[in-house]
């Protein structure tokens, strides 16, 4: 299944909805985030609830996107990664790099404020 990417804005955050496989043959996500950064967007939530598969290239894309956003002074959180993606994040230790949330409002709050929502009295 090809990767489907849709965006919507919640408060000041861009919620990026992904459906499908995030792998070497799909690069629209990286290009989309670059375009949004060029437009001045800085706060992102990457919704992974409907991502069925991520390979090493997909992980590399996520890390490159996170780095690009951080370098622009922004912040990105992950929302509801599937069990399979959660396991991959744990195995690669990337779960300690990304802030991961189970509910959208906490993910948006953390993205907009530039850090963990728990720092602002909200539990993730």
N, C-alpha and C. Protein backbone atom coordinates (compact mmCIF):
# COMPACT_ATOMS: atom_id res chain seq x y z
N UNK A 1 0.84 -1.18 0.00
CA UNK A 1 0.00 0.00 0.00
C UNK A 1 0.89 1.25 0.00
N UNK A 2 0.65 2.15 -0.93
CA UNK A 2 1.38 3.41 -0.98
C UNK A 2 1.05 4.25 0.25
N UNK A 3 1.94 5.16 0.58
CA UNK A 3 1.73 6.04 1.71
C UNK A 3 0.80 7.19 1.31
N UNK A 4 -0.26 7.37 2.09
CA UNK A 4 -1.17 8.48 1.91
C UNK A 4 -0.87 9.50 3.00
N UNK A 5 -0.76 10.77 2.61
CA UNK A 5 -0.42 11.83 3.55
C UNK A 5 -1.46 12.94 3.45
N UNK A 6 -2.06 13.27 4.59
CA UNK A 6 -3.02 14.38 4.65
C UNK A 6 -2.65 15.25 5.84
N UNK A 7 -2.95 16.54 5.73
CA UNK A 7 -2.65 17.45 6.84
C UNK A 7 -3.89 18.21 7.26
N UNK A 8 -3.87 18.61 8.51
CA UNK A 8 -4.89 19.51 9.05
C UNK A 8 -4.23 20.29 10.17
N UNK A 9 -4.79 21.43 10.49
CA UNK A 9 -4.22 22.28 11.53
C UNK A 9 -5.09 22.22 12.77
N UNK A 10 -4.45 22.00 13.91
CA UNK A 10 -5.12 22.03 15.21
C UNK A 10 -4.33 23.00 16.07
N UNK A 11 -5.00 24.07 16.52
CA UNK A 11 -4.31 25.17 17.19
C UNK A 11 -3.19 25.64 16.27
N UNK A 12 -1.96 25.65 16.71
CA UNK A 12 -0.86 26.09 15.84
C UNK A 12 -0.08 24.92 15.26
N UNK A 13 -0.54 23.70 15.50
CA UNK A 13 0.20 22.51 15.06
C UNK A 13 -0.37 21.96 13.76
N UNK A 14 0.51 21.46 12.92
CA UNK A 14 0.10 20.75 11.72
C UNK A 14 0.08 19.27 12.08
N UNK A 15 -1.11 18.67 12.01
CA UNK A 15 -1.25 17.24 12.24
C UNK A 15 -1.13 16.55 10.89
N UNK A 16 -0.13 15.69 10.77
CA UNK A 16 0.12 14.97 9.52
C UNK A 16 -0.39 13.55 9.70
N UNK A 17 -1.43 13.21 8.96
CA UNK A 17 -2.06 11.89 9.03
C UNK A 17 -1.42 10.99 7.97
N UNK A 18 -0.83 9.89 8.42
CA UNK A 18 -0.20 8.95 7.49
C UNK A 18 -1.01 7.66 7.47
N UNK A 19 -1.18 7.09 6.28
CA UNK A 19 -1.85 5.81 6.12
C UNK A 19 -1.02 4.99 5.14
N UNK A 20 -0.66 3.78 5.57
CA UNK A 20 0.09 2.88 4.69
C UNK A 20 1.45 2.54 5.22
N UNK A 21 2.41 2.42 4.30
CA UNK A 21 3.76 2.00 4.63
C UNK A 21 4.73 3.16 4.47
N UNK A 22 5.55 3.38 5.48
CA UNK A 22 6.59 4.41 5.42
C UNK A 22 7.89 3.69 5.14
N UNK A 23 8.29 3.69 3.86
CA UNK A 23 9.46 2.92 3.47
C UNK A 23 10.22 3.61 2.37
N UNK A 24 11.24 2.95 1.86
CA UNK A 24 12.20 3.57 0.95
C UNK A 24 11.56 4.14 -0.32
N UNK A 25 10.49 3.56 -0.77
CA UNK A 25 9.90 4.02 -2.03
C UNK A 25 8.95 5.20 -1.88
N UNK A 26 8.69 5.63 -0.66
CA UNK A 26 7.78 6.74 -0.43
C UNK A 26 8.50 7.92 0.20
N UNK A 27 8.62 9.02 -0.54
CA UNK A 27 9.30 10.20 -0.03
C UNK A 27 8.42 11.44 0.09
N UNK A 28 7.11 11.35 -0.09
CA UNK A 28 6.29 12.57 -0.05
C UNK A 28 6.29 13.24 1.32
N UNK A 29 6.49 12.48 2.37
CA UNK A 29 6.46 13.04 3.72
C UNK A 29 7.57 14.06 3.91
N UNK A 30 8.78 13.69 3.55
CA UNK A 30 9.93 14.59 3.70
C UNK A 30 9.72 15.87 2.90
N UNK A 31 9.24 15.72 1.67
CA UNK A 31 9.01 16.88 0.81
C UNK A 31 7.91 17.78 1.37
N UNK A 32 6.86 17.18 1.91
CA UNK A 32 5.76 17.95 2.50
C UNK A 32 6.25 18.76 3.70
N UNK A 33 7.00 18.13 4.59
CA UNK A 33 7.48 18.84 5.78
C UNK A 33 8.41 19.97 5.38
N UNK A 34 9.27 19.75 4.39
CA UNK A 34 10.15 20.83 3.92
C UNK A 34 9.33 22.01 3.43
N UNK A 35 8.27 21.73 2.66
CA UNK A 35 7.40 22.79 2.15
C UNK A 35 6.72 23.54 3.30
N UNK A 36 6.23 22.80 4.28
CA UNK A 36 5.56 23.43 5.42
C UNK A 36 6.54 24.27 6.25
N UNK A 37 7.76 23.79 6.42
CA UNK A 37 8.78 24.58 7.12
C UNK A 37 9.08 25.86 6.35
N UNK A 38 9.17 25.75 5.02
CA UNK A 38 9.41 26.93 4.18
C UNK A 38 8.27 27.95 4.32
N UNK A 39 7.06 27.47 4.63
CA UNK A 39 5.91 28.35 4.83
C UNK A 39 5.85 28.92 6.25
N UNK A 40 6.81 28.54 7.09
CA UNK A 40 6.87 29.08 8.45
C UNK A 40 6.19 28.22 9.51
N UNK A 41 5.72 27.06 9.14
CA UNK A 41 5.11 26.15 10.12
C UNK A 41 6.23 25.53 10.96
N UNK A 42 6.03 25.44 12.28
CA UNK A 42 7.09 24.93 13.16
C UNK A 42 6.63 23.82 14.09
N UNK A 43 5.33 23.60 14.22
CA UNK A 43 4.81 22.65 15.20
C UNK A 43 4.09 21.51 14.47
N UNK A 44 4.54 20.28 14.73
CA UNK A 44 4.04 19.14 13.96
C UNK A 44 3.67 17.97 14.87
N UNK A 45 2.60 17.28 14.49
CA UNK A 45 2.21 16.02 15.11
C UNK A 45 2.14 15.00 13.97
N UNK A 46 2.91 13.93 14.09
CA UNK A 46 2.93 12.88 13.08
C UNK A 46 2.05 11.74 13.58
N UNK A 47 0.86 11.59 12.98
CA UNK A 47 -0.08 10.55 13.38
C UNK A 47 0.28 9.25 12.68
N UNK A 48 0.75 8.28 13.46
CA UNK A 48 1.20 7.00 12.92
C UNK A 48 0.22 5.86 13.17
N UNK A 49 -0.99 6.18 13.61
CA UNK A 49 -1.95 5.13 13.99
C UNK A 49 -2.32 4.20 12.84
N UNK A 50 -2.23 4.69 11.61
CA UNK A 50 -2.59 3.87 10.45
C UNK A 50 -1.38 3.52 9.58
N UNK A 51 -0.20 3.56 10.19
CA UNK A 51 1.01 3.14 9.48
C UNK A 51 1.26 1.68 9.83
N UNK A 52 1.21 0.83 8.82
CA UNK A 52 1.31 -0.61 9.05
C UNK A 52 2.74 -1.11 9.03
N UNK A 53 3.66 -0.34 8.44
CA UNK A 53 5.03 -0.82 8.26
C UNK A 53 5.98 0.36 8.15
N UNK A 54 7.12 0.26 8.81
CA UNK A 54 8.18 1.25 8.67
C UNK A 54 9.49 0.48 8.50
N UNK A 55 10.26 0.81 7.47
CA UNK A 55 11.58 0.18 7.31
C UNK A 55 12.66 1.16 7.76
N UNK A 56 13.92 0.78 7.59
CA UNK A 56 15.01 1.64 8.05
C UNK A 56 15.02 2.98 7.33
N UNK A 57 14.63 3.00 6.08
CA UNK A 57 14.55 4.25 5.34
C UNK A 57 13.45 5.14 5.90
N UNK A 58 12.33 4.53 6.27
CA UNK A 58 11.24 5.28 6.89
C UNK A 58 11.65 5.87 8.22
N UNK A 59 12.38 5.09 9.03
CA UNK A 59 12.92 5.61 10.29
C UNK A 59 13.88 6.77 10.02
N UNK A 60 14.71 6.60 8.99
CA UNK A 60 15.64 7.67 8.62
C UNK A 60 14.91 8.93 8.22
N UNK A 61 13.80 8.79 7.48
CA UNK A 61 12.99 9.95 7.11
C UNK A 61 12.43 10.64 8.34
N UNK A 62 11.91 9.85 9.28
CA UNK A 62 11.34 10.43 10.50
C UNK A 62 12.40 11.20 11.28
N UNK A 63 13.59 10.62 11.38
CA UNK A 63 14.66 11.28 12.13
C UNK A 63 15.14 12.54 11.40
N UNK A 64 15.25 12.47 10.07
CA UNK A 64 15.67 13.64 9.29
C UNK A 64 14.64 14.77 9.40
N UNK A 65 13.37 14.41 9.36
CA UNK A 65 12.30 15.40 9.51
C UNK A 65 12.36 16.04 10.89
N UNK A 66 12.49 15.20 11.93
CA UNK A 66 12.58 15.69 13.31
C UNK A 66 13.76 16.67 13.44
N UNK A 67 14.90 16.31 12.85
CA UNK A 67 16.09 17.16 12.92
C UNK A 67 15.86 18.48 12.19
N UNK A 68 15.26 18.42 11.01
CA UNK A 68 14.98 19.65 10.25
C UNK A 68 14.07 20.58 11.03
N UNK A 69 13.05 20.02 11.65
CA UNK A 69 12.11 20.83 12.43
C UNK A 69 12.82 21.44 13.63
N UNK A 70 13.61 20.65 14.35
CA UNK A 70 14.36 21.15 15.52
C UNK A 70 15.32 22.26 15.09
N UNK A 71 15.99 22.09 13.96
CA UNK A 71 16.95 23.09 13.48
C UNK A 71 16.28 24.41 13.12
N UNK A 72 14.99 24.38 12.83
CA UNK A 72 14.23 25.60 12.51
C UNK A 72 13.60 26.20 13.77
N UNK A 73 13.83 25.55 14.93
CA UNK A 73 13.25 26.04 16.17
C UNK A 73 11.88 25.49 16.47
N UNK A 74 11.48 24.43 15.76
CA UNK A 74 10.17 23.84 15.96
C UNK A 74 10.24 22.56 16.76
N UNK A 75 9.13 21.84 16.77
CA UNK A 75 9.04 20.60 17.54
C UNK A 75 8.06 19.65 16.88
N UNK A 76 8.35 18.35 16.95
CA UNK A 76 7.47 17.33 16.38
C UNK A 76 7.22 16.24 17.42
N UNK A 77 5.97 15.83 17.52
CA UNK A 77 5.61 14.71 18.37
C UNK A 77 5.02 13.59 17.50
N UNK A 78 5.00 12.38 18.06
CA UNK A 78 4.39 11.24 17.39
C UNK A 78 3.09 10.89 18.10
N UNK A 79 2.10 10.53 17.31
CA UNK A 79 0.78 10.19 17.85
C UNK A 79 0.42 8.76 17.49
N UNK A 80 0.08 7.99 18.50
CA UNK A 80 -0.48 6.65 18.38
C UNK A 80 0.22 5.73 17.39
N UNK A 81 1.53 5.53 17.54
CA UNK A 81 2.16 4.54 16.66
C UNK A 81 1.56 3.15 16.92
N UNK A 82 1.40 2.38 15.86
CA UNK A 82 0.87 1.02 16.01
C UNK A 82 1.83 0.19 16.87
N UNK A 83 1.36 -0.94 17.34
CA UNK A 83 2.21 -1.81 18.16
C UNK A 83 3.49 -2.18 17.42
N UNK A 84 3.37 -2.46 16.15
CA UNK A 84 4.54 -2.83 15.34
C UNK A 84 5.54 -1.68 15.28
N UNK A 85 5.06 -0.47 15.06
CA UNK A 85 5.94 0.70 14.99
C UNK A 85 6.51 1.01 16.38
N UNK A 86 5.72 0.87 17.43
CA UNK A 86 6.21 1.08 18.80
C UNK A 86 7.37 0.14 19.09
N UNK A 87 7.23 -1.13 18.69
CA UNK A 87 8.29 -2.11 18.90
C UNK A 87 9.55 -1.70 18.16
N UNK A 88 9.41 -1.25 16.94
CA UNK A 88 10.56 -0.80 16.16
C UNK A 88 11.24 0.41 16.81
N UNK A 89 10.46 1.35 17.31
CA UNK A 89 11.01 2.52 18.00
C UNK A 89 11.76 2.09 19.26
N UNK A 90 11.24 1.10 19.96
CA UNK A 90 11.90 0.62 21.18
C UNK A 90 13.20 -0.11 20.85
N UNK A 91 13.18 -0.98 19.85
CA UNK A 91 14.38 -1.74 19.47
C UNK A 91 15.50 -0.81 19.03
N UNK A 92 15.16 0.23 18.29
CA UNK A 92 16.16 1.17 17.77
C UNK A 92 16.50 2.28 18.76
N UNK A 93 15.83 2.29 19.90
CA UNK A 93 16.02 3.31 20.95
C UNK A 93 15.56 4.70 20.50
N UNK A 94 14.83 4.77 19.40
CA UNK A 94 14.33 6.06 18.94
C UNK A 94 13.13 6.52 19.76
N UNK A 95 12.56 5.63 20.55
CA UNK A 95 11.50 6.02 21.45
C UNK A 95 11.97 7.05 22.47
N UNK A 96 13.28 7.10 22.71
CA UNK A 96 13.83 8.10 23.64
C UNK A 96 14.10 9.43 22.94
N UNK A 97 14.08 9.44 21.62
CA UNK A 97 14.29 10.67 20.85
C UNK A 97 12.96 11.39 20.63
N UNK A 98 11.96 10.64 20.22
CA UNK A 98 10.64 11.19 19.91
C UNK A 98 9.75 11.20 21.15
N UNK A 99 8.94 12.25 21.28
CA UNK A 99 7.88 12.27 22.29
C UNK A 99 6.67 11.56 21.67
N UNK A 100 6.19 10.51 22.34
CA UNK A 100 5.11 9.68 21.81
C UNK A 100 3.87 9.84 22.70
N UNK A 101 2.73 10.08 22.06
CA UNK A 101 1.49 10.31 22.78
C UNK A 101 0.39 9.40 22.27
N UNK A 102 -0.54 9.09 23.16
CA UNK A 102 -1.70 8.28 22.80
C UNK A 102 -2.93 9.14 22.50
N UNK A 103 -2.92 10.40 22.93
CA UNK A 103 -4.07 11.26 22.61
C UNK A 103 -3.60 12.52 21.91
N UNK A 104 -4.43 12.95 20.98
CA UNK A 104 -4.06 14.06 20.10
C UNK A 104 -3.87 15.37 20.85
N UNK A 105 -4.72 15.67 21.81
CA UNK A 105 -4.60 16.97 22.48
C UNK A 105 -3.27 17.11 23.20
N UNK A 106 -2.78 16.05 23.83
CA UNK A 106 -1.47 16.10 24.49
C UNK A 106 -0.35 16.24 23.47
N UNK A 107 -0.47 15.53 22.35
CA UNK A 107 0.54 15.61 21.30
C UNK A 107 0.62 17.02 20.72
N UNK A 108 -0.55 17.63 20.49
CA UNK A 108 -0.60 19.00 19.96
C UNK A 108 -0.03 19.98 20.97
N UNK A 109 -0.41 19.85 22.23
CA UNK A 109 0.11 20.75 23.27
C UNK A 109 1.62 20.69 23.34
N UNK A 110 2.16 19.48 23.33
CA UNK A 110 3.62 19.32 23.40
C UNK A 110 4.30 19.89 22.16
N UNK A 111 3.72 19.67 20.99
CA UNK A 111 4.31 20.20 19.76
C UNK A 111 4.33 21.72 19.76
N UNK A 112 3.23 22.33 20.19
CA UNK A 112 3.14 23.79 20.18
C UNK A 112 4.06 24.41 21.22
N UNK A 113 4.17 23.78 22.37
CA UNK A 113 5.01 24.33 23.44
C UNK A 113 6.47 23.92 23.32
N UNK A 114 6.76 23.04 22.39
CA UNK A 114 8.15 22.68 22.14
C UNK A 114 8.74 21.69 23.12
N UNK A 115 7.92 20.85 23.70
CA UNK A 115 8.43 19.86 24.63
C UNK A 115 7.33 18.99 25.17
N UNK A 116 7.69 18.10 26.09
CA UNK A 116 6.71 17.15 26.62
C UNK A 116 5.53 17.85 27.29
N UNK A 117 4.34 17.39 26.98
CA UNK A 117 3.14 17.96 27.58
C UNK A 117 3.14 17.77 29.09
N UNK A 118 3.79 16.71 29.56
CA UNK A 118 3.81 16.44 31.01
C UNK A 118 4.51 17.57 31.76
N UNK A 119 5.37 18.33 31.07
CA UNK A 119 6.04 19.46 31.70
C UNK A 119 5.07 20.59 31.99
N UNK A 120 3.89 20.53 31.38
CA UNK A 120 2.93 21.61 31.53
C UNK A 120 1.68 21.12 32.26
N UNK A 121 1.84 20.08 33.10
CA UNK A 121 0.73 19.61 33.91
C UNK A 121 -0.23 18.70 33.16
N UNK A 122 0.17 18.17 32.02
CA UNK A 122 -0.67 17.28 31.25
C UNK A 122 0.03 15.94 31.17
N UNK A 123 -0.66 14.87 31.48
CA UNK A 123 -0.03 13.56 31.39
C UNK A 123 -0.26 12.98 30.01
N UNK A 124 0.77 12.34 29.51
CA UNK A 124 0.70 11.77 28.15
C UNK A 124 0.12 10.38 28.19
